[in-house]
Protein backbone atom coordinates (compact mmCIF):
# COMPACT_ATOMS: atom_id res chain seq x y z
CA MET A 1 252.55 44.84 -0.58
CA LEU A 2 255.08 45.92 -3.19
CA PRO A 3 257.27 43.42 -5.07
CA PRO A 4 260.93 43.32 -4.07
CA GLU A 5 263.04 46.02 -5.65
CA LEU A 6 265.26 44.81 -8.49
CA PRO A 7 268.98 45.43 -8.32
CA PRO A 8 270.11 48.38 -10.44
CA LEU A 9 271.28 47.78 -13.98
CA PRO A 10 275.05 47.88 -14.33
CA ALA A 11 276.53 50.84 -16.17
CA LEU A 12 276.28 50.16 -19.90
CA THR A 13 277.13 52.20 -22.94
CA ARG A 14 274.15 53.17 -25.05
CA ALA A 15 275.26 50.61 -27.65
CA GLU A 16 275.53 47.85 -25.01
CA ALA A 17 272.06 48.67 -23.71
CA GLU A 18 270.73 48.51 -27.26
CA LEU A 19 272.43 45.13 -27.75
CA VAL A 20 270.87 43.73 -24.56
CA ASP A 21 267.41 45.03 -25.47
CA ARG A 22 267.53 43.69 -29.03
CA TYR A 23 268.91 40.33 -27.83
CA LEU A 24 266.06 39.89 -25.36
CA GLU A 25 263.51 40.75 -28.04
CA VAL A 26 264.93 37.98 -30.24
CA VAL A 27 264.95 35.54 -27.31
CA ASP A 28 261.31 36.36 -26.54
CA LEU A 29 260.33 35.64 -30.13
CA LEU A 30 262.32 32.39 -30.25
CA GLY A 31 260.53 31.32 -27.09
CA ARG A 32 257.17 31.94 -28.76
CA ILE A 33 258.28 29.93 -31.82
CA ASN A 34 259.65 26.96 -29.82
CA PRO A 35 257.46 24.04 -30.97
CA ALA A 36 258.10 22.16 -27.72
CA ARG A 37 256.48 24.96 -25.71
CA ALA A 38 253.96 26.54 -28.12
CA ASP A 39 250.28 25.73 -28.17
CA HIS A 40 249.21 27.17 -31.53
CA THR A 41 250.82 27.60 -34.94
CA TYR A 42 249.48 31.11 -35.49
CA GLY A 43 251.41 32.62 -32.57
CA GLY A 44 254.59 30.92 -33.78
CA LEU A 45 253.99 32.16 -37.30
CA ARG A 46 253.55 35.75 -36.13
CA ALA A 47 256.67 35.51 -33.96
CA ALA A 48 258.68 34.06 -36.86
CA GLN A 49 257.57 36.92 -39.09
CA ALA A 50 258.62 39.47 -36.46
CA LEU A 51 261.92 37.66 -35.87
CA VAL A 52 263.37 38.91 -39.16
CA LYS A 53 262.95 42.55 -38.15
CA LYS A 54 264.25 41.98 -34.60
CA ALA A 55 267.26 39.96 -35.81
CA THR A 56 268.11 42.80 -38.19
CA ALA A 57 267.93 45.26 -35.29
CA LEU A 58 270.22 42.99 -33.24
CA ARG A 59 272.70 42.83 -36.12
CA ASP A 60 272.57 46.62 -36.45
CA ALA A 61 273.27 47.06 -32.71
CA LEU A 62 276.34 44.84 -32.99
CA ALA A 63 277.48 46.59 -36.19
CA LEU A 64 277.17 49.98 -34.47
CA MET A 65 279.26 48.76 -31.53
CA HIS A 66 281.90 47.47 -33.93
CA ALA A 67 281.90 50.70 -35.95
CA ARG A 68 282.37 52.73 -32.76
CA GLY A 69 285.40 50.67 -31.83
CA GLU A 70 283.63 48.68 -29.11
CA SER A 71 285.28 45.44 -30.16
CA GLU A 72 284.98 43.56 -26.85
CA LEU A 73 281.89 42.34 -25.08
CA HIS A 74 282.07 42.50 -21.30
CA GLY A 75 280.29 39.23 -20.57
CA GLU A 76 280.03 39.57 -16.79
CA THR A 77 278.49 43.03 -16.99
CA LEU A 78 276.13 42.09 -19.81
CA ALA A 79 275.09 38.92 -17.96
CA ARG A 80 274.22 41.02 -14.89
CA ALA A 81 272.10 43.30 -17.06
CA LEU A 82 270.35 40.29 -18.63
CA ARG A 83 269.59 38.86 -15.18
CA VAL A 84 268.12 42.16 -13.95
CA LEU A 85 265.92 42.22 -17.06
CA ASP A 86 264.66 38.68 -16.37
CA GLY A 87 266.79 37.16 -19.11
CA GLU A 88 267.07 33.77 -17.42
CA ARG A 89 263.32 33.22 -17.40
CA ARG A 90 262.94 34.61 -20.90
CA ALA A 91 265.73 32.42 -22.31
CA HIS A 92 264.32 29.36 -20.54
CA ARG A 93 261.41 29.33 -23.01
CA VAL A 94 263.89 28.68 -25.84
CA THR A 95 265.04 25.40 -24.29
CA LEU A 96 263.31 22.03 -24.34
CA PRO A 97 261.01 21.26 -21.42
CA PRO A 98 262.14 18.47 -19.10
CA ALA A 99 261.40 14.98 -20.35
CA PRO A 100 258.35 13.42 -18.72
CA THR A 101 259.13 10.87 -16.05
CA SER A 102 257.30 7.61 -16.40
């Protein structure tokens, strides 16, 4: 049995697609660093080291958009793209886990 087919990505400029990809890479690393969800320091350390490079790539994607005159972000469209790329689950790792009920 095949998994359900994902909805298609919305139409994005190349720069918008680069922004979304670089943003999700940073989110993934922040999720690995999150001390409330991590199990080991070494994985967090490696993610923190990689974060510098990925954050620079995210900055460069935004700078390229700005230089090309793409001064507005189309939030609805970009949010749809993030959802198709599993951004909600990936960003969830950055948040605190629910407090234990006692």
